[in-house]
Amino acid sequence: MVYFLVEAQPKGYSVRRSAQDFVWLREVLKKFYPGIFIPPINNKELSESDSDEKVTKRMTGCNYFIMEIAKDPLLKNSKIFYDFLTTPSEKEFKLKRKAYDKMDPPKTINEVRTRTGKINLDGSIFEDGKRFDQSKENVKQNITIMSKLNLALKNLVKEMRTVGNRLNEISEYFESLSAQAKLYPDNQRTLQTFTALKSLFNDWGYAKRKQAMTFELEFKQYFKYINKEYKSLSELLTNFETSKSDYLKEKSKLQKKKEDLFKKQEIKKWNLPPEDTNIDLGNKTLCFEK
């Protein structure tokens, strides 16, 4: 199993974590912070082979994940994230993982953690949904653009590697010409030219392959991660739409129940507190509020 060194500055925390520890961190944050956007992590890449290239990609993805959590004022101050960064003993960290896994997710409104410490119960967040509809459309457009960008970057890396290989091929031809020129001692000038061109194209090819590697590990991987962020955000907005639908359905049921109770005018069945039992039964708006 591959472990990554996680260092948090300026506090000086330093711990070793496996790729699956990062996956666990995301899942447990999702459990305890419903409705809060949790940065994505690529599970597929985390489960692949331990070749140097794959390990580097995994490390890059985990780094982006941690940096995004550290930007969020709620998540970065959570006890879960603190334990992830500060528990050096692998045995102790496993015990903490088990403890968090056994804990139940929030069951009541009062247990849900939010950035403001308050939760809107009047339904206005659902009824005034224009900004959410707009956000969903913007995310959808961004996912389309990012997908095209990722494909363009993938093709760019492929083309750069092709150019690098072609330059190496040309370098090999000049190496063959140099070998032929060595057979003729009087042909030193030609030999020097071929040797210089061989070195030039060899270095050029190496530089191109190095650039391709940089693009893939930095630019391509970064925008690939951003694309996953948009997809995760899209899932969050979809969950919002589901919650909105459930809310409106329950609100409709409540409205019907109020209509039925108001028509019957049987105030004893309204379960009102004693101080409201003398309410004006002709005032429908007031009756509905009570």
C-alpha atoms as a PDB file:
ATOM      1  CA  MET A   1       0.000   0.000   0.000  1.00  0.00           C
ATOM      2  CA  VAL A   2       1.225   3.498  -0.881  1.00  0.00           C
ATOM      3  CA  TYR A   3       1.195   6.197   1.813  1.00  0.00           C
ATOM      4  CA  PHE A   4       1.392   9.939   1.233  1.00  0.00           C
ATOM      5  CA  LEU A   5       3.041  12.412   3.582  1.00  0.00           C
ATOM      6  CA  VAL A   6       0.537  15.126   4.542  1.00  0.00           C
ATOM      7  CA  GLU A   7       2.074  18.290   5.990  1.00  0.00           C
ATOM      8  CA  ALA A   8       0.030  21.213   7.323  1.00  0.00           C
ATOM      9  CA  GLN A   9       1.803  24.541   7.703  1.00  0.00           C
ATOM     10  CA  PRO A  10       2.334  26.704   9.688  1.00  0.00           C
ATOM     11  CA  LYS A  11       1.152  24.358  12.471  1.00  0.00           C
ATOM     12  CA  GLY A  12       3.793  21.797  11.547  1.00  0.00           C
ATOM     13  CA  TYR A  13       1.482  18.784  11.469  1.00  0.00           C
ATOM     14  CA  SER A  14       2.927  15.807   9.576  1.00  0.00           C
ATOM     15  CA  VAL A  15       1.134  12.464   9.084  1.00  0.00           C
ATOM     16  CA  ARG A  16       1.141   9.509   6.688  1.00  0.00           C
ATOM     17  CA  ARG A  17      -2.159   8.683   5.006  1.00  0.00           C
ATOM     18  CA  SER A  18      -3.149   6.069   2.420  1.00  0.00           C
ATOM     19  CA  ALA A  19      -5.228   6.903  -0.631  1.00  0.00           C
ATOM     20  CA  GLN A  20      -8.203   5.125   0.942  1.00  0.00           C
ATOM     21  CA  ASP A  21      -7.888   7.392   4.012  1.00  0.00           C
ATOM     22  CA  PHE A  22      -8.647  10.338   1.736  1.00  0.00           C
ATOM     23  CA  VAL A  23     -11.707   8.533   0.345  1.00  0.00           C
ATOM     24  CA  TRP A  24     -12.856   7.829   3.916  1.00  0.00           C
ATOM     25  CA  LEU A  25     -12.429  11.503   4.866  1.00  0.00           C
ATOM     26  CA  ARG A  26     -14.730  12.590   2.056  1.00  0.00           C
ATOM     27  CA  GLU A  27     -17.396  10.015   2.926  1.00  0.00           C
ATOM     28  CA  VAL A  28     -17.440  10.878   6.625  1.00  0.00           C
ATOM     29  CA  LEU A  29     -17.632  14.623   5.880  1.00  0.00           C
ATOM     30  CA  LYS A  30     -20.570  13.948   3.567  1.00  0.00           C
ATOM     31  CA  LYS A  31     -22.256  12.016   6.385  1.00  0.00           C
ATOM     32  CA  PHE A  32     -21.925  14.721   9.028  1.00  0.00           C
ATOM     33  CA  TYR A  33     -22.383  17.802   6.798  1.00  0.00           C
ATOM     34  CA  PRO A  34     -25.464  17.187   4.632  1.00  0.00           C
ATOM     35  CA  GLY A  35     -26.129  19.980   2.163  1.00  0.00           C
ATOM     36  CA  ILE A  36     -22.512  21.235   2.295  1.00  0.00           C
ATOM     37  CA  PHE A  37     -20.433  20.859  -0.864  1.00  0.00           C
ATOM     38  CA  ILE A  38     -17.638  18.354  -0.236  1.00  0.00           C
ATOM     39  CA  PRO A  39     -14.769  18.464  -2.769  1.00  0.00           C
ATOM     40  CA  PRO A  40     -14.557  15.365  -4.997  1.00  0.00           C
ATOM     41  CA  ILE A  41     -11.889  12.691  -5.131  1.00  0.00           C
ATOM     42  CA  ASN A  42     -11.325  10.195  -7.937  1.00  0.00           C
ATOM     43  CA  ASN A  43     -11.987   6.730  -6.500  1.00  0.00           C
ATOM     44  CA  LYS A  44     -11.119   5.049  -9.811  1.00  0.00           C
ATOM     45  CA  GLU A  45      -7.609   6.460  -9.899  1.00  0.00           C
ATOM     46  CA  LEU A  46      -7.102   5.596  -6.237  1.00  0.00           C
ATOM     47  CA  SER A  47      -7.698   1.902  -6.849  1.00  0.00           C
ATOM     48  CA  GLU A  48      -5.421   1.449  -9.847  1.00  0.00           C
ATOM     49  CA  SER A  49      -1.856   0.084 -10.063  1.00  0.00           C
ATOM     50  CA  ASP A  50       1.110   1.382  -8.066  1.00  0.00           C
ATOM     51  CA  SER A  51       3.169   2.495 -11.056  1.00  0.00           C
ATOM     52  CA  ASP A  52       5.052   5.790 -10.595  1.00  0.00           C
ATOM     53  CA  GLU A  53       2.732   7.569 -13.022  1.00  0.00           C
ATOM     54  CA  LYS A  54      -0.446   6.380 -11.281  1.00  0.00           C
ATOM     55  CA  VAL A  55       0.922   7.164  -7.822  1.00  0.00           C
ATOM     56  CA  THR A  56       1.828  10.698  -8.936  1.00  0.00           C
ATOM     57  CA  LYS A  57      -1.684  11.213 -10.321  1.00  0.00           C
ATOM     58  CA  ARG A  58      -3.191   9.923  -7.081  1.00  0.00           C
ATOM     59  CA  MET A  59      -0.992  12.234  -5.041  1.00  0.00           C
ATOM     60  CA  THR A  60      -1.968  15.213  -7.214  1.00  0.00           C
ATOM     61  CA  GLY A  61      -5.682  14.435  -6.821  1.00  0.00           C
ATOM     62  CA  CYS A  62      -5.394  13.990  -3.039  1.00  0.00           C
ATOM     63  CA  ASN A  63      -3.489  17.272  -2.796  1.00  0.00           C
ATOM     64  CA  TYR A  64      -6.217  19.174  -4.688  1.00  0.00           C
ATOM     65  CA  PHE A  65      -8.826  17.538  -2.413  1.00  0.00           C
ATOM     66  CA  ILE A  66      -7.094  18.597   0.816  1.00  0.00           C
ATOM     67  CA  MET A  67      -6.433  22.131  -0.457  1.00  0.00           C
ATOM     68  CA  GLU A  68     -10.108  22.597  -1.347  1.00  0.00           C
ATOM     69  CA  ILE A  69     -11.214  21.435   2.110  1.00  0.00           C
ATOM     70  CA  ALA A  70      -8.730  23.860   3.685  1.00  0.00           C
ATOM     71  CA  LYS A  71     -10.417  26.729   1.793  1.00  0.00           C
ATOM     72  CA  ASP A  72     -13.813  25.992   3.358  1.00  0.00           C
ATOM     73  CA  PRO A  73     -14.255  27.760   6.743  1.00  0.00           C
ATOM     74  CA  LEU A  74     -16.660  25.103   8.056  1.00  0.00           C
ATOM     75  CA  LEU A  75     -14.878  21.951   6.914  1.00  0.00           C
ATOM     76  CA  LYS A  76     -11.347  23.047   7.758  1.00  0.00           C
ATOM     77  CA  ASN A  77     -12.383  23.673  11.380  1.00  0.00           C
ATOM     78  CA  SER A  78     -14.185  20.356  11.789  1.00  0.00           C
ATOM     79  CA  LYS A  79     -12.955  17.859  14.382  1.00  0.00           C
ATOM     80  CA  ILE A  80     -12.850  15.179  11.658  1.00  0.00           C
ATOM     81  CA  PHE A  81     -10.422  17.129   9.479  1.00  0.00           C
ATOM     82  CA  TYR A  82      -8.349  18.079  12.526  1.00  0.00           C
ATOM     83  CA  ASP A  83      -7.983  14.418  13.520  1.00  0.00           C
ATOM     84  CA  PHE A  84      -7.085  13.511   9.939  1.00  0.00           C
ATOM     85  CA  LEU A  85      -4.219  16.033   9.961  1.00  0.00           C
ATOM     86  CA  THR A  86      -2.938  15.624  13.506  1.00  0.00           C
ATOM     87  CA  THR A  87      -3.115  11.935  14.473  1.00  0.00           C
ATOM     88  CA  PRO A  88       0.401  10.600  13.756  1.00  0.00           C
ATOM     89  CA  SER A  89      -0.137   7.075  15.082  1.00  0.00           C
ATOM     90  CA  GLU A  90      -1.656   4.824  12.430  1.00  0.00           C
ATOM     91  CA  LYS A  91      -3.202   2.618  15.138  1.00  0.00           C
ATOM     92  CA  GLU A  92      -4.811   5.607  16.888  1.00  0.00           C
ATOM     93  CA  PHE A  93      -6.102   6.982  13.587  1.00  0.00           C
ATOM     94  CA  LYS A  94      -7.755   3.637  12.772  1.00  0.00           C
ATOM     95  CA  LEU A  95      -9.510   3.744  16.141  1.00  0.00           C
ATOM     96  CA  LYS A  96     -10.762   7.266  15.431  1.00  0.00           C
ATOM     97  CA  ARG A  97     -11.958   6.156  12.001  1.00  0.00           C
ATOM     98  CA  LYS A  98     -13.965   3.338  13.581  1.00  0.00           C
ATOM     99  CA  ALA A  99     -15.427   5.751  16.132  1.00  0.00           C
ATOM    100  CA  TYR A 100     -16.601   8.178  13.405  1.00  0.00           C
ATOM    101  CA  ASP A 101     -17.981   5.294  11.331  1.00  0.00           C
ATOM    102  CA  LYS A 102     -20.121   4.150  14.288  1.00  0.00           C
ATOM    103  CA  MET A 103     -21.524   7.633  14.909  1.00  0.00           C
ATOM    104  CA  ASP A 104     -24.955   8.332  13.453  1.00  0.00           C
ATOM    105  CA  PRO A 105     -25.452  11.158  10.952  1.00  0.00           C
ATOM    106  CA  PRO A 106     -27.575  14.154  12.060  1.00  0.00           C
ATOM    107  CA  LYS A 107     -31.105  13.000  12.883  1.00  0.00           C
ATOM    108  CA  THR A 108     -32.654  16.338  13.798  1.00  0.00           C
ATOM    109  CA  ILE A 109     -32.403  19.891  12.523  1.00  0.00           C
ATOM    110  CA  ASN A 110     -30.515  20.975  15.643  1.00  0.00           C
ATOM    111  CA  GLU A 111     -27.727  18.447  14.945  1.00  0.00           C
ATOM    112  CA  VAL A 112     -26.993  19.683  11.411  1.00  0.00           C
ATOM    113  CA  ARG A 113     -23.879  21.879  11.155  1.00  0.00           C
ATOM    114  CA  THR A 114     -24.131  24.930   8.882  1.00  0.00           C
ATOM    115  CA  ARG A 115     -21.899  27.924   8.195  1.00  0.00           C
ATOM    116  CA  THR A 116     -24.311  30.330   9.894  1.00  0.00           C
ATOM    117  CA  GLY A 117     -25.348  27.997  12.706  1.00  0.00           C
ATOM    118  CA  LYS A 118     -28.981  28.450  11.599  1.00  0.00           C
ATOM    119  CA  ILE A 119     -31.313  26.514   9.323  1.00  0.00           C
ATOM    120  CA  ASN A 120     -34.156  28.077   7.349  1.00  0.00           C
ATOM    121  CA  LEU A 121     -37.434  26.381   8.250  1.00  0.00           C
ATOM    122  CA  ASP A 122     -39.905  28.718   6.535  1.00  0.00           C
ATOM    123  CA  GLY A 123     -39.401  27.209   3.085  1.00  0.00           C
ATOM    124  CA  SER A 124     -38.354  30.447   1.373  1.00  0.00           C
ATOM    125  CA  ILE A 125     -35.082  28.847   0.287  1.00  0.00           C
ATOM    126  CA  PHE A 126     -37.166  26.428  -1.807  1.00  0.00           C
ATOM    127  CA  GLU A 127     -39.915  28.760  -2.986  1.00  0.00           C
ATOM    128  CA  ASP A 128     -37.521  31.442  -4.224  1.00  0.00           C
ATOM    129  CA  GLY A 129     -35.592  28.967  -6.366  1.00  0.00           C
ATOM    130  CA  LYS A 130     -34.569  31.144  -9.319  1.00  0.00           C
ATOM    131  CA  ARG A 131     -30.940  31.455  -8.238  1.00  0.00           C
ATOM    132  CA  PHE A 132     -30.736  27.679  -7.834  1.00  0.00           C
ATOM    133  CA  ASP A 133     -32.192  27.118 -11.293  1.00  0.00           C
ATOM    134  CA  GLN A 134     -29.628  29.545 -12.694  1.00  0.00           C
ATOM    135  CA  SER A 135     -26.823  27.876 -10.750  1.00  0.00           C
ATOM    136  CA  LYS A 136     -27.820  24.487 -12.106  1.00  0.00           C
ATOM    137  CA  GLU A 137     -27.786  25.791 -15.676  1.00  0.00           C
ATOM    138  CA  ASN A 138     -24.387  27.464 -15.151  1.00  0.00           C
ATOM    139  CA  VAL A 139     -22.925  24.263 -13.706  1.00  0.00           C
ATOM    140  CA  LYS A 140     -24.296  22.282 -16.646  1.00  0.00           C
ATOM    141  CA  GLN A 141     -22.649  24.678 -19.109  1.00  0.00           C
ATOM    142  CA  ASN A 142     -19.358  24.598 -17.192  1.00  0.00           C
ATOM    143  CA  ILE A 143     -19.334  20.786 -17.210  1.00  0.00           C
ATOM    144  CA  THR A 144     -19.738  20.865 -21.007  1.00  0.00           C
ATOM    145  CA  ILE A 145     -16.901  23.381 -21.416  1.00  0.00           C
ATOM    146  CA  MET A 146     -14.617  21.524 -18.978  1.00  0.00           C
ATOM    147  CA  SER A 147     -15.211  18.212 -20.755  1.00  0.00           C
ATOM    148  CA  LYS A 148     -14.149  19.812 -24.030  1.00  0.00           C
ATOM    149  CA  LEU A 149     -11.153  21.409 -22.329  1.00  0.00           C
ATOM    150  CA  ASN A 150     -10.050  18.077 -20.842  1.00  0.00           C
ATOM    151  CA  LEU A 151     -10.271  16.445 -24.281  1.00  0.00           C
ATOM    152  CA  ALA A 152      -8.272  19.296 -25.844  1.00  0.00           C
ATOM    153  CA  LEU A 153      -5.586  18.994 -23.143  1.00  0.00           C
ATOM    154  CA  LYS A 154      -5.487  15.216 -23.594  1.00  0.00           C
ATOM    155  CA  ASN A 155      -4.949  15.659 -27.325  1.00  0.00           C
ATOM    156  CA  LEU A 156      -2.307  18.328 -26.686  1.00  0.00           C
ATOM    157  CA  VAL A 157      -0.339  15.977 -24.406  1.00  0.00           C
ATOM    158  CA  LYS A 158      -0.631  13.219 -27.010  1.00  0.00           C
ATOM    159  CA  GLU A 159       0.574  15.529 -29.781  1.00  0.00           C
ATOM    160  CA  MET A 160       3.476  16.821 -27.677  1.00  0.00           C
ATOM    161  CA  ARG A 161       4.589  13.255 -26.969  1.00  0.00           C
ATOM    162  CA  THR A 162       4.305  12.441 -30.660  1.00  0.00           C
ATOM    163  CA  VAL A 163       6.521  15.441 -31.506  1.00  0.00           C
ATOM    164  CA  GLY A 164       8.998  14.380 -28.807  1.00  0.00           C
ATOM    165  CA  ASN A 165       9.187  10.857 -30.244  1.00  0.00           C
ATOM    166  CA  ARG A 166       9.573  12.213 -33.774  1.00  0.00           C
ATOM    167  CA  LEU A 167      12.453  14.443 -32.660  1.00  0.00           C
ATOM    168  CA  ASN A 168      14.130  11.428 -31.051  1.00  0.00           C
ATOM    169  CA  GLU A 169      13.676   9.506 -34.279  1.00  0.00           C
ATOM    170  CA  ILE A 170      15.408  12.314 -36.198  1.00  0.00           C
ATOM    171  CA  SER A 171      18.185  12.310 -33.588  1.00  0.00           C
ATOM    172  CA  GLU A 172      18.716   8.588 -34.210  1.00  0.00           C
ATOM    173  CA  TYR A 173      19.046   9.220 -37.961  1.00  0.00           C
ATOM    174  CA  PHE A 174      21.764  11.805 -37.285  1.00  0.00           C
ATOM    175  CA  GLU A 175      23.458   9.297 -34.970  1.00  0.00           C
ATOM    176  CA  SER A 176      23.528   6.810 -37.855  1.00  0.00           C
ATOM    177  CA  LEU A 177      24.937   9.484 -40.157  1.00  0.00           C
ATOM    178  CA  SER A 178      27.590  10.268 -37.549  1.00  0.00           C
ATOM    179  CA  ALA A 179      28.569   6.607 -37.437  1.00  0.00           C
ATOM    180  CA  GLN A 180      28.949   6.628 -41.212  1.00  0.00           C
ATOM    181  CA  ALA A 181      30.985   9.853 -41.140  1.00  0.00           C
ATOM    182  CA  LYS A 182      33.426   8.300 -38.651  1.00  0.00           C
ATOM    183  CA  LEU A 183      34.444   5.834 -41.355  1.00  0.00           C
ATOM    184  CA  TYR A 184      36.057   8.700 -43.212  1.00  0.00           C
ATOM    185  CA  PRO A 185      38.755  10.439 -41.108  1.00  0.00           C
ATOM    186  CA  ASP A 186      38.962  13.358 -43.520  1.00  0.00           C
ATOM    187  CA  ASN A 187      35.305  14.144 -43.019  1.00  0.00           C
ATOM    188  CA  GLN A 188      35.585  15.735 -39.552  1.00  0.00           C
ATOM    189  CA  ARG A 189      33.489  18.776 -40.373  1.00  0.00           C
ATOM    190  CA  THR A 190      30.565  16.654 -41.518  1.00  0.00           C
ATOM    191  CA  LEU A 191      30.966  14.431 -38.447  1.00  0.00           C
ATOM    192  CA  GLN A 192      30.837  17.460 -36.137  1.00  0.00           C
ATOM    193  CA  THR A 193      27.713  18.727 -37.898  1.00  0.00           C
ATOM    194  CA  PHE A 194      25.916  15.386 -37.604  1.00  0.00           C
ATOM    195  CA  THR A 195      26.953  15.002 -33.940  1.00  0.00           C
ATOM    196  CA  ALA A 196      25.734  18.516 -33.103  1.00  0.00           C
ATOM    197  CA  LEU A 197      22.381  17.918 -34.866  1.00  0.00           C
ATOM    198  CA  LYS A 198      21.970  14.576 -33.115  1.00  0.00           C
ATOM    199  CA  SER A 199      22.491  16.289 -29.734  1.00  0.00           C
ATOM    200  CA  LEU A 200      20.167  19.157 -30.671  1.00  0.00           C
ATOM    201  CA  PHE A 201      17.239  16.921 -31.675  1.00  0.00           C
ATOM    202  CA  ASN A 202      17.806  14.569 -28.748  1.00  0.00           C
ATOM    203  CA  ASP A 203      17.632  17.466 -26.256  1.00  0.00           C
ATOM    204  CA  TRP A 204      14.652  18.941 -28.098  1.00  0.00           C
ATOM    205  CA  GLY A 205      12.806  15.620 -27.931  1.00  0.00           C
ATOM    206  CA  TYR A 206      13.551  15.252 -24.220  1.00  0.00           C
ATOM    207  CA  ALA A 207      12.241  18.784 -23.579  1.00  0.00           C
ATOM    208  CA  LYS A 208       8.998  18.023 -25.440  1.00  0.00           C
ATOM    209  CA  ARG A 209       8.380  14.834 -23.476  1.00  0.00           C
ATOM    210  CA  LYS A 210       9.102  16.718 -20.264  1.00  0.00           C
ATOM    211  CA  GLN A 211       6.609  19.424 -21.262  1.00  0.00           C
ATOM    212  CA  ALA A 212       4.001  16.762 -22.043  1.00  0.00           C
ATOM    213  CA  MET A 213       4.517  15.237 -18.582  1.00  0.00           C
ATOM    214  CA  THR A 214       4.161  18.657 -16.931  1.00  0.00           C
ATOM    215  CA  PHE A 215       0.956  19.385 -18.849  1.00  0.00           C
ATOM    216  CA  GLU A 216      -0.532  16.048 -17.903  1.00  0.00           C
ATOM    217  CA  LEU A 217       0.364  16.183 -14.211  1.00  0.00           C
ATOM    218  CA  GLU A 218      -0.374  19.868 -13.663  1.00  0.00           C
ATOM    219  CA  PHE A 219      -2.705  21.456 -16.237  1.00  0.00           C
ATOM    220  CA  LYS A 220      -4.612  18.382 -17.385  1.00  0.00           C
ATOM    221  CA  GLN A 221      -4.964  16.886 -13.900  1.00  0.00           C
ATOM    222  CA  TYR A 222      -5.976  20.253 -12.434  1.00  0.00           C
ATOM    223  CA  PHE A 223      -8.757  20.917 -14.941  1.00  0.00           C
ATOM    224  CA  LYS A 224      -9.813  17.277 -14.706  1.00  0.00           C
ATOM    225  CA  TYR A 225     -10.242  17.816 -10.960  1.00  0.00           C
ATOM    226  CA  ILE A 226     -12.194  21.048 -11.501  1.00  0.00           C
ATOM    227  CA  ASN A 227     -14.487  19.142 -13.856  1.00  0.00           C
ATOM    228  CA  LYS A 228     -15.169  16.628 -11.070  1.00  0.00           C
ATOM    229  CA  GLU A 229     -15.934  19.511  -8.715  1.00  0.00           C
ATOM    230  CA  TYR A 230     -18.618  20.756 -11.096  1.00  0.00           C
ATOM    231  CA  LYS A 231     -20.100  17.268 -11.353  1.00  0.00           C
ATOM    232  CA  SER A 232     -20.174  16.974  -7.552  1.00  0.00           C
ATOM    233  CA  LEU A 233     -21.820  20.391  -7.343  1.00  0.00           C
ATOM    234  CA  SER A 234     -24.368  19.264  -9.934  1.00  0.00           C
ATOM    235  CA  GLU A 235     -25.218  16.280  -7.710  1.00  0.00           C
ATOM    236  CA  LEU A 236     -25.675  18.614  -4.746  1.00  0.00           C
ATOM    237  CA  LEU A 237     -28.064  20.812  -6.763  1.00  0.00           C
ATOM    238  CA  THR A 238     -29.960  17.713  -7.882  1.00  0.00           C
ATOM    239  CA  ASN A 239     -30.354  16.727  -4.219  1.00  0.00           C
ATOM    240  CA  PHE A 240     -31.637  20.235  -3.569  1.00  0.00           C
ATOM    241  CA  GLU A 241     -34.281  19.779  -6.276  1.00  0.00           C
ATOM    242  CA  THR A 242     -35.361  16.495  -4.676  1.00  0.00           C
ATOM    243  CA  SER A 243     -35.624  18.180  -1.265  1.00  0.00           C
ATOM    244  CA  LYS A 244     -37.569  21.036  -2.845  1.00  0.00           C
ATOM    245  CA  SER A 245     -40.026  18.567  -4.380  1.00  0.00           C
ATOM    246  CA  ASP A 246     -40.470  16.763  -1.041  1.00  0.00           C
ATOM    247  CA  TYR A 247     -40.985  20.077   0.755  1.00  0.00           C
ATOM    248  CA  LEU A 248     -43.647  21.308  -1.670  1.00  0.00           C
ATOM    249  CA  LYS A 249     -45.440  17.948  -1.489  1.00  0.00           C
ATOM    250  CA  GLU A 250     -45.567  18.087   2.322  1.00  0.00           C
ATOM    251  CA  LYS A 251     -46.605  21.729   2.217  1.00  0.00           C
ATOM    252  CA  SER A 252     -49.490  20.838  -0.091  1.00  0.00           C
ATOM    253  CA  LYS A 253     -50.616  18.083   2.303  1.00  0.00           C
ATOM    254  CA  LEU A 254     -50.474  20.519   5.219  1.00  0.00           C
ATOM    255  CA  GLN A 255     -52.449  23.123   3.277  1.00  0.00           C
ATOM    256  CA  LYS A 256     -55.165  20.563   2.489  1.00  0.00           C
ATOM    257  CA  LYS A 257     -55.308  19.482   6.127  1.00  0.00           C
ATOM    258  CA  LYS A 258     -55.723  23.116   7.227  1.00  0.00           C
ATOM    259  CA  GLU A 259     -58.492  23.622   4.666  1.00  0.00           C
ATOM    260  CA  ASP A 260     -60.334  20.553   5.942  1.00  0.00           C
ATOM    261  CA  LEU A 261     -59.993  21.583   9.595  1.00  0.00           C
ATOM    262  CA  PHE A 262     -61.120  25.129   8.827  1.00  0.00           C
ATOM    263  CA  LYS A 263     -64.219  23.917   6.996  1.00  0.00           C
ATOM    264  CA  LYS A 264     -65.237  21.700   9.927  1.00  0.00           C
ATOM    265  CA  GLN A 265     -64.773  24.572  12.413  1.00  0.00           C
ATOM    266  CA  GLU A 266     -64.224  21.968  15.158  1.00  0.00           C
ATOM    267  CA  ILE A 267     -61.633  23.891  17.143  1.00  0.00           C
ATOM    268  CA  LYS A 268     -61.138  21.032  19.619  1.00  0.00           C
ATOM    269  CA  LYS A 269     -59.535  18.981  16.840  1.00  0.00           C
ATOM    270  CA  TRP A 270     -57.058  21.736  15.974  1.00  0.00           C
ATOM    271  CA  ASN A 271     -54.753  20.950  18.913  1.00  0.00           C
ATOM    272  CA  LEU A 272     -54.339  24.635  19.733  1.00  0.00           C
ATOM    273  CA  PRO A 273     -52.751  25.822  22.991  1.00  0.00           C
ATOM    274  CA  PRO A 274     -55.289  26.998  25.626  1.00  0.00           C
ATOM    275  CA  GLU A 275     -54.602  30.696  25.014  1.00  0.00           C
ATOM    276  CA  ASP A 276     -55.655  30.359  21.340  1.00  0.00           C
ATOM    277  CA  THR A 277     -58.908  28.465  21.831  1.00  0.00           C
ATOM    278  CA  ASN A 278     -60.930  31.685  21.680  1.00  0.00           C
ATOM    279  CA  ILE A 279     -59.592  32.517  18.199  1.00  0.00           C
ATOM    280  CA  ASP A 280     -61.867  34.276  15.704  1.00  0.00           C
ATOM    281  CA  LEU A 281     -63.046  31.350  13.516  1.00  0.00           C
ATOM    282  CA  GLY A 282     -64.036  33.769  10.775  1.00  0.00           C
ATOM    283  CA  ASN A 283     -60.456  34.978  10.273  1.00  0.00           C
ATOM    284  CA  LYS A 284     -59.111  32.334   7.900  1.00  0.00           C
ATOM    285  CA  THR A 285     -55.597  33.833   7.641  1.00  0.00           C
ATOM    286  CA  LEU A 286     -55.175  33.929  11.433  1.00  0.00           C
ATOM    287  CA  CYS A 287     -56.636  30.431  11.817  1.00  0.00           C
ATOM    288  CA  PHE A 288     -54.181  29.047   9.260  1.00  0.00           C
ATOM    289  CA  GLU A 289     -51.273  30.709  11.086  1.00  0.00           C
ATOM    290  CA  LYS A 290     -52.313  29.170  14.379  1.00  0.00           C
END
